Amino acid sequence: MKNFALCLIAAALLCLIEAAPQPQGAAEPIAIISQESNIEPDGAYNYNYETANGIKAEETGTLKKATSPDNTDVIVVKGSFSYTSPEGELITLNYAADDEGGFQPTGSHLPTPPPIPPAIQKALDYLMSLPPTQQQRRR
């Protein structure tokens, strides 16, 4: 099920890349400058491509052997894509996806959360300074 979710994420990212803004009045298809892909028998893969209008993408998926009781192997994914926005800004998104952290995108264009209020940060610092509980020690 986790492999399916990661494949679904990869497919969604490809759709986002395809939906990247195109120049106004572009009547002809955009040429693919370079394209490579490789799929291994164990499910690991990699691909990359670049188009004539500056879209670039690359992704690598590697098999991670199961360490959990359910014995499910997963594909760990790392990749990026970039394109130029209609405003002329280069948009680059890097991402990773795995069974522990899920989908983790990074990019300067992504919104960032506001800073943690000082009172809450003080409470969090205090909680982190406490000794671990018995339940936390068993992990």
N, C-alpha and C. Protein backbone atom coordinates (compact mmCIF):
# COMPACT_ATOMS: atom_id res chain seq x y z
N MET A 1 0.82 -1.19 0.00
CA MET A 1 0.00 0.00 0.00
C MET A 1 0.87 1.26 0.00
N LYS A 2 1.99 1.22 0.74
CA LYS A 2 2.88 2.37 0.79
C LYS A 2 3.52 2.60 -0.57
N ASN A 3 3.89 1.50 -1.27
CA ASN A 3 4.47 1.65 -2.60
C ASN A 3 3.47 2.32 -3.54
N PHE A 4 2.21 1.94 -3.42
CA PHE A 4 1.17 2.53 -4.24
C PHE A 4 1.07 4.02 -3.97
N ALA A 5 1.13 4.40 -2.68
CA ALA A 5 1.03 5.81 -2.31
C ALA A 5 2.20 6.60 -2.89
N LEU A 6 3.41 6.04 -2.83
CA LEU A 6 4.57 6.74 -3.37
C LEU A 6 4.48 6.87 -4.88
N CYS A 7 3.99 5.82 -5.54
CA CYS A 7 3.81 5.89 -7.00
C CYS A 7 2.75 6.93 -7.35
N LEU A 8 1.71 7.01 -6.52
CA LEU A 8 0.67 8.00 -6.75
C LEU A 8 1.23 9.42 -6.60
N ILE A 9 2.10 9.62 -5.62
CA ILE A 9 2.74 10.92 -5.43
C ILE A 9 3.59 11.26 -6.65
N ALA A 10 4.36 10.28 -7.12
CA ALA A 10 5.21 10.51 -8.29
C ALA A 10 4.37 10.88 -9.51
N ALA A 11 3.24 10.18 -9.69
CA ALA A 11 2.36 10.48 -10.83
C ALA A 11 1.77 11.88 -10.70
N ALA A 12 1.40 12.26 -9.47
CA ALA A 12 0.84 13.60 -9.25
C ALA A 12 1.88 14.67 -9.58
N LEU A 13 3.14 14.43 -9.21
CA LEU A 13 4.19 15.39 -9.52
C LEU A 13 4.39 15.53 -11.02
N LEU A 14 4.32 14.41 -11.72
CA LEU A 14 4.46 14.48 -13.18
C LEU A 14 3.32 15.30 -13.78
N CYS A 15 2.12 15.16 -13.22
CA CYS A 15 0.99 15.96 -13.70
C CYS A 15 1.22 17.44 -13.44
N LEU A 16 1.79 17.77 -12.26
CA LEU A 16 2.10 19.17 -11.97
C LEU A 16 3.11 19.73 -12.95
N ILE A 17 4.10 18.91 -13.27
CA ILE A 17 5.12 19.37 -14.22
C ILE A 17 4.48 19.62 -15.59
N GLU A 18 3.62 18.71 -16.00
CA GLU A 18 2.94 18.88 -17.28
C GLU A 18 2.06 20.12 -17.28
N ALA A 19 1.52 20.47 -16.11
CA ALA A 19 0.62 21.61 -16.01
C ALA A 19 1.36 22.93 -15.83
N ALA A 20 2.67 22.90 -15.86
CA ALA A 20 3.46 24.13 -15.70
C ALA A 20 3.04 25.12 -16.78
N PRO A 21 3.02 26.39 -16.43
CA PRO A 21 2.56 27.40 -17.39
C PRO A 21 3.34 27.36 -18.70
N GLN A 22 2.62 27.51 -19.78
CA GLN A 22 3.21 27.54 -21.11
C GLN A 22 3.17 28.98 -21.62
N PRO A 23 4.12 29.34 -22.46
CA PRO A 23 4.12 30.70 -23.03
C PRO A 23 2.82 30.97 -23.78
N GLN A 24 2.35 32.22 -23.71
CA GLN A 24 1.13 32.60 -24.42
C GLN A 24 1.35 32.47 -25.92
N GLY A 25 0.37 31.91 -26.58
CA GLY A 25 0.43 31.79 -28.03
C GLY A 25 1.32 30.67 -28.53
N ALA A 26 1.74 29.77 -27.67
CA ALA A 26 2.58 28.66 -28.11
C ALA A 26 1.73 27.71 -28.95
N ALA A 27 1.97 27.68 -30.25
CA ALA A 27 1.18 26.86 -31.14
C ALA A 27 1.84 25.52 -31.41
N GLU A 28 3.14 25.46 -31.30
CA GLU A 28 3.86 24.22 -31.60
C GLU A 28 4.20 23.48 -30.31
N PRO A 29 4.30 22.16 -30.40
CA PRO A 29 4.73 21.41 -29.21
C PRO A 29 6.14 21.81 -28.80
N ILE A 30 6.40 21.74 -27.53
CA ILE A 30 7.73 22.07 -27.00
C ILE A 30 8.63 20.85 -27.15
N ALA A 31 9.81 21.06 -27.70
CA ALA A 31 10.74 19.96 -27.95
C ALA A 31 11.35 19.45 -26.64
N ILE A 32 11.59 18.16 -26.60
CA ILE A 32 12.31 17.55 -25.48
C ILE A 32 13.78 17.53 -25.88
N ILE A 33 14.60 18.22 -25.08
CA ILE A 33 16.03 18.32 -25.37
C ILE A 33 16.75 17.04 -24.97
N SER A 34 16.44 16.55 -23.77
CA SER A 34 17.05 15.30 -23.32
C SER A 34 16.06 14.56 -22.43
N GLN A 35 16.20 13.25 -22.45
CA GLN A 35 15.31 12.40 -21.65
C GLN A 35 16.00 11.06 -21.42
N GLU A 36 16.03 10.65 -20.16
CA GLU A 36 16.59 9.35 -19.81
C GLU A 36 15.71 8.72 -18.75
N SER A 37 15.61 7.39 -18.77
CA SER A 37 14.90 6.69 -17.71
C SER A 37 15.46 5.28 -17.60
N ASN A 38 15.39 4.75 -16.39
CA ASN A 38 15.88 3.42 -16.12
C ASN A 38 15.04 2.81 -15.00
N ILE A 39 14.60 1.58 -15.21
CA ILE A 39 13.84 0.86 -14.19
C ILE A 39 14.56 -0.45 -13.92
N GLU A 40 14.86 -0.68 -12.65
CA GLU A 40 15.56 -1.89 -12.23
C GLU A 40 14.56 -3.00 -11.89
N PRO A 41 14.97 -4.24 -11.93
CA PRO A 41 14.06 -5.35 -11.60
C PRO A 41 13.50 -5.29 -10.18
N ASP A 42 14.24 -4.69 -9.24
CA ASP A 42 13.76 -4.63 -7.86
C ASP A 42 12.78 -3.48 -7.64
N GLY A 43 12.48 -2.70 -8.67
CA GLY A 43 11.55 -1.59 -8.55
C GLY A 43 12.23 -0.24 -8.45
N ALA A 44 13.53 -0.20 -8.23
CA ALA A 44 14.25 1.07 -8.19
C ALA A 44 14.22 1.68 -9.60
N TYR A 45 14.27 3.00 -9.65
CA TYR A 45 14.21 3.67 -10.95
C TYR A 45 14.86 5.04 -10.87
N ASN A 46 15.10 5.61 -12.04
CA ASN A 46 15.50 7.01 -12.13
C ASN A 46 15.09 7.53 -13.50
N TYR A 47 14.80 8.81 -13.55
CA TYR A 47 14.51 9.45 -14.83
C TYR A 47 14.89 10.92 -14.74
N ASN A 48 15.10 11.52 -15.88
CA ASN A 48 15.30 12.97 -15.97
C ASN A 48 14.96 13.41 -17.38
N TYR A 49 14.57 14.65 -17.49
CA TYR A 49 14.32 15.23 -18.81
C TYR A 49 14.45 16.74 -18.75
N GLU A 50 14.61 17.31 -19.93
CA GLU A 50 14.68 18.76 -20.08
C GLU A 50 13.98 19.12 -21.38
N THR A 51 13.18 20.18 -21.32
CA THR A 51 12.47 20.62 -22.51
C THR A 51 13.05 21.94 -23.03
N ALA A 52 12.71 22.27 -24.26
CA ALA A 52 13.26 23.47 -24.90
C ALA A 52 12.81 24.76 -24.21
N ASN A 53 11.71 24.73 -23.47
CA ASN A 53 11.25 25.95 -22.79
C ASN A 53 11.75 26.03 -21.34
N GLY A 54 12.74 25.22 -20.98
CA GLY A 54 13.38 25.35 -19.68
C GLY A 54 12.85 24.49 -18.56
N ILE A 55 11.88 23.63 -18.84
CA ILE A 55 11.39 22.73 -17.80
C ILE A 55 12.41 21.61 -17.63
N LYS A 56 12.76 21.35 -16.37
CA LYS A 56 13.69 20.27 -16.06
C LYS A 56 13.11 19.45 -14.91
N ALA A 57 13.31 18.15 -14.96
CA ALA A 57 12.85 17.29 -13.87
C ALA A 57 13.77 16.09 -13.76
N GLU A 58 13.90 15.61 -12.53
CA GLU A 58 14.66 14.39 -12.28
C GLU A 58 14.10 13.74 -11.02
N GLU A 59 14.17 12.41 -11.00
CA GLU A 59 13.69 11.67 -9.83
C GLU A 59 14.40 10.34 -9.75
N THR A 60 14.66 9.92 -8.52
CA THR A 60 15.28 8.63 -8.25
C THR A 60 14.47 7.93 -7.18
N GLY A 61 14.16 6.69 -7.43
CA GLY A 61 13.47 5.88 -6.43
C GLY A 61 14.32 4.67 -6.12
N THR A 62 14.57 4.44 -4.84
CA THR A 62 15.38 3.29 -4.43
C THR A 62 14.59 2.42 -3.47
N LEU A 63 14.84 1.15 -3.54
CA LEU A 63 14.14 0.20 -2.69
C LEU A 63 14.72 0.22 -1.29
N LYS A 64 13.84 0.35 -0.32
CA LYS A 64 14.24 0.29 1.09
C LYS A 64 13.65 -0.99 1.66
N LYS A 65 14.53 -1.87 2.10
CA LYS A 65 14.08 -3.15 2.65
C LYS A 65 13.30 -2.93 3.93
N ALA A 66 12.33 -3.77 4.16
CA ALA A 66 11.45 -3.66 5.33
C ALA A 66 12.23 -3.85 6.62
N THR A 67 11.94 -2.98 7.58
CA THR A 67 12.48 -3.14 8.93
C THR A 67 11.34 -3.20 9.93
N SER A 68 10.13 -3.05 9.44
CA SER A 68 8.96 -3.06 10.31
C SER A 68 8.35 -4.45 10.34
N PRO A 69 7.50 -4.70 11.33
CA PRO A 69 6.89 -6.03 11.47
C PRO A 69 6.02 -6.45 10.28
N ASP A 70 5.49 -5.49 9.53
CA ASP A 70 4.61 -5.87 8.40
C ASP A 70 5.40 -6.32 7.17
N ASN A 71 6.74 -6.25 7.21
CA ASN A 71 7.62 -6.73 6.14
C ASN A 71 7.29 -6.15 4.77
N THR A 72 6.96 -4.90 4.73
CA THR A 72 6.65 -4.25 3.46
C THR A 72 7.83 -3.42 3.00
N ASP A 73 8.41 -3.77 1.86
CA ASP A 73 9.47 -2.96 1.27
C ASP A 73 8.84 -1.69 0.70
N VAL A 74 9.58 -0.60 0.70
CA VAL A 74 9.06 0.66 0.17
C VAL A 74 10.08 1.27 -0.78
N ILE A 75 9.59 2.13 -1.63
CA ILE A 75 10.45 2.91 -2.52
C ILE A 75 10.65 4.29 -1.90
N VAL A 76 11.90 4.68 -1.72
CA VAL A 76 12.24 6.01 -1.21
C VAL A 76 12.54 6.88 -2.42
N VAL A 77 11.88 8.02 -2.50
CA VAL A 77 11.95 8.87 -3.68
C VAL A 77 12.62 10.20 -3.36
N LYS A 78 13.50 10.65 -4.26
CA LYS A 78 14.09 11.98 -4.19
C LYS A 78 14.06 12.56 -5.60
N GLY A 79 13.76 13.84 -5.68
CA GLY A 79 13.72 14.43 -7.00
C GLY A 79 13.55 15.93 -6.96
N SER A 80 13.44 16.51 -8.15
CA SER A 80 13.23 17.95 -8.27
C SER A 80 12.68 18.26 -9.65
N PHE A 81 12.05 19.42 -9.75
CA PHE A 81 11.67 19.94 -11.06
C PHE A 81 11.76 21.45 -11.01
N SER A 82 11.92 22.05 -12.17
CA SER A 82 12.00 23.51 -12.24
C SER A 82 11.41 23.99 -13.56
N TYR A 83 10.90 25.21 -13.50
CA TYR A 83 10.35 25.87 -14.69
C TYR A 83 10.33 27.37 -14.40
N THR A 84 10.08 28.15 -15.42
CA THR A 84 10.00 29.60 -15.27
C THR A 84 8.53 30.00 -15.21
N SER A 85 8.19 30.76 -14.17
CA SER A 85 6.80 31.20 -13.98
C SER A 85 6.45 32.25 -15.04
N PRO A 86 5.15 32.55 -15.21
CA PRO A 86 4.76 33.61 -16.16
C PRO A 86 5.38 34.96 -15.82
N GLU A 87 5.72 35.16 -14.53
CA GLU A 87 6.35 36.41 -14.11
C GLU A 87 7.86 36.41 -14.36
N GLY A 88 8.40 35.33 -14.90
CA GLY A 88 9.83 35.25 -15.20
C GLY A 88 10.68 34.71 -14.07
N GLU A 89 10.06 34.26 -12.98
CA GLU A 89 10.79 33.72 -11.84
C GLU A 89 11.07 32.23 -12.03
N LEU A 90 12.30 31.82 -11.75
CA LEU A 90 12.64 30.40 -11.81
C LEU A 90 12.05 29.71 -10.58
N ILE A 91 11.20 28.74 -10.79
CA ILE A 91 10.56 27.98 -9.72
C ILE A 91 11.25 26.62 -9.67
N THR A 92 11.80 26.28 -8.51
CA THR A 92 12.45 24.99 -8.32
C THR A 92 11.86 24.33 -7.08
N LEU A 93 11.43 23.10 -7.23
CA LEU A 93 10.90 22.33 -6.11
C LEU A 93 11.73 21.07 -5.97
N ASN A 94 12.30 20.89 -4.79
CA ASN A 94 13.00 19.65 -4.46
C ASN A 94 12.08 18.87 -3.52
N TYR A 95 12.13 17.57 -3.60
CA TYR A 95 11.25 16.78 -2.74
C TYR A 95 11.87 15.43 -2.41
N ALA A 96 11.36 14.87 -1.35
CA ALA A 96 11.69 13.51 -0.93
C ALA A 96 10.39 12.89 -0.45
N ALA A 97 10.27 11.59 -0.58
CA ALA A 97 9.10 10.89 -0.08
C ALA A 97 9.54 9.52 0.40
N ASP A 98 9.10 9.17 1.59
CA ASP A 98 9.40 7.85 2.14
C ASP A 98 8.29 7.43 3.08
N ASP A 99 8.45 6.26 3.69
CA ASP A 99 7.40 5.74 4.56
C ASP A 99 7.39 6.39 5.93
N GLU A 100 8.44 7.09 6.29
CA GLU A 100 8.52 7.70 7.61
C GLU A 100 8.08 9.16 7.60
N GLY A 101 8.57 9.92 6.64
CA GLY A 101 8.27 11.35 6.61
C GLY A 101 7.22 11.75 5.60
N GLY A 102 6.77 10.82 4.75
CA GLY A 102 5.82 11.16 3.71
C GLY A 102 6.45 12.06 2.66
N PHE A 103 5.64 12.85 2.00
CA PHE A 103 6.10 13.76 0.95
C PHE A 103 6.64 15.03 1.61
N GLN A 104 7.89 15.40 1.29
CA GLN A 104 8.56 16.53 1.92
C GLN A 104 9.09 17.48 0.85
N PRO A 105 8.29 18.46 0.44
CA PRO A 105 8.75 19.41 -0.58
C PRO A 105 9.53 20.56 0.04
N THR A 106 10.49 21.10 -0.72
CA THR A 106 11.20 22.31 -0.32
C THR A 106 11.37 23.19 -1.55
N GLY A 107 11.27 24.47 -1.34
CA GLY A 107 11.46 25.44 -2.41
C GLY A 107 11.27 26.84 -1.88
N SER A 108 12.00 27.79 -2.42
CA SER A 108 11.92 29.16 -1.93
C SER A 108 10.56 29.79 -2.20
N HIS A 109 9.79 29.25 -3.13
CA HIS A 109 8.48 29.81 -3.47
C HIS A 109 7.37 29.29 -2.56
N LEU A 110 7.65 28.27 -1.75
CA LEU A 110 6.62 27.71 -0.88
C LEU A 110 6.40 28.60 0.34
N PRO A 111 5.17 28.68 0.80
CA PRO A 111 4.92 29.50 1.99
C PRO A 111 5.59 28.89 3.22
N THR A 112 5.96 29.74 4.16
CA THR A 112 6.59 29.27 5.39
C THR A 112 5.69 29.62 6.57
N PRO A 113 5.72 28.80 7.62
CA PRO A 113 4.87 29.08 8.77
C PRO A 113 5.38 30.30 9.53
N PRO A 114 4.50 30.96 10.26
CA PRO A 114 4.95 32.09 11.07
C PRO A 114 5.83 31.59 12.21
N PRO A 115 6.63 32.48 12.81
CA PRO A 115 7.49 32.05 13.91
C PRO A 115 6.65 31.61 15.12
N ILE A 116 7.22 30.71 15.91
CA ILE A 116 6.54 30.23 17.11
C ILE A 116 6.56 31.36 18.15
N PRO A 117 5.40 31.67 18.75
CA PRO A 117 5.37 32.71 19.78
C PRO A 117 6.32 32.37 20.93
N PRO A 118 6.98 33.37 21.54
CA PRO A 118 7.97 33.12 22.59
C PRO A 118 7.45 32.27 23.75
N ALA A 119 6.21 32.49 24.20
CA ALA A 119 5.68 31.72 25.33
C ALA A 119 5.57 30.24 24.98
N ILE A 120 5.15 29.95 23.76
CA ILE A 120 5.02 28.55 23.34
C ILE A 120 6.41 27.94 23.17
N GLN A 121 7.35 28.70 22.62
CA GLN A 121 8.71 28.18 22.47
C GLN A 121 9.32 27.87 23.83
N LYS A 122 9.06 28.71 24.81
CA LYS A 122 9.58 28.48 26.17
C LYS A 122 9.00 27.18 26.73
N ALA A 123 7.70 26.95 26.52
CA ALA A 123 7.07 25.72 26.99
C ALA A 123 7.66 24.50 26.28
N LEU A 124 7.88 24.61 24.98
CA LEU A 124 8.46 23.49 24.23
C LEU A 124 9.88 23.19 24.70
N ASP A 125 10.67 24.23 24.95
CA ASP A 125 12.03 24.05 25.45
C ASP A 125 12.01 23.34 26.80
N TYR A 126 11.08 23.73 27.66
CA TYR A 126 10.96 23.09 28.97
C TYR A 126 10.62 21.60 28.81
N LEU A 127 9.66 21.30 27.96
CA LEU A 127 9.26 19.90 27.75
C LEU A 127 10.42 19.07 27.20
N MET A 128 11.22 19.66 26.33
CA MET A 128 12.37 18.94 25.78
C MET A 128 13.45 18.70 26.83
N SER A 129 13.49 19.53 27.89
CA SER A 129 14.51 19.37 28.92
C SER A 129 14.16 18.30 29.95
N LEU A 130 12.91 17.84 29.94
CA LEU A 130 12.48 16.81 30.90
C LEU A 130 13.11 15.46 30.56
N PRO A 131 13.36 14.63 31.58
CA PRO A 131 13.89 13.29 31.29
C PRO A 131 12.84 12.46 30.55
N PRO A 132 13.28 11.49 29.75
CA PRO A 132 12.32 10.67 28.99
C PRO A 132 11.48 9.81 29.93
N THR A 133 10.24 9.56 29.50
CA THR A 133 9.35 8.69 30.26
C THR A 133 9.72 7.24 29.99
N GLN A 134 9.16 6.32 30.76
CA GLN A 134 9.45 4.90 30.55
C GLN A 134 9.02 4.46 29.15
N GLN A 135 7.91 4.94 28.70
CA GLN A 135 7.41 4.56 27.36
C GLN A 135 8.39 5.04 26.28
N GLN A 136 8.94 6.24 26.42
CA GLN A 136 9.89 6.75 25.44
C GLN A 136 11.19 5.97 25.48
N ARG A 137 11.58 5.47 26.65
CA ARG A 137 12.82 4.69 26.77
C ARG A 137 12.70 3.36 26.06
N ARG A 138 11.51 2.78 26.00
CA ARG A 138 11.30 1.47 25.36
C ARG A 138 11.42 1.55 23.84
N ARG A 139 11.30 2.67 23.27
CA ARG A 139 11.32 2.80 21.80
C ARG A 139 12.67 2.66 21.26
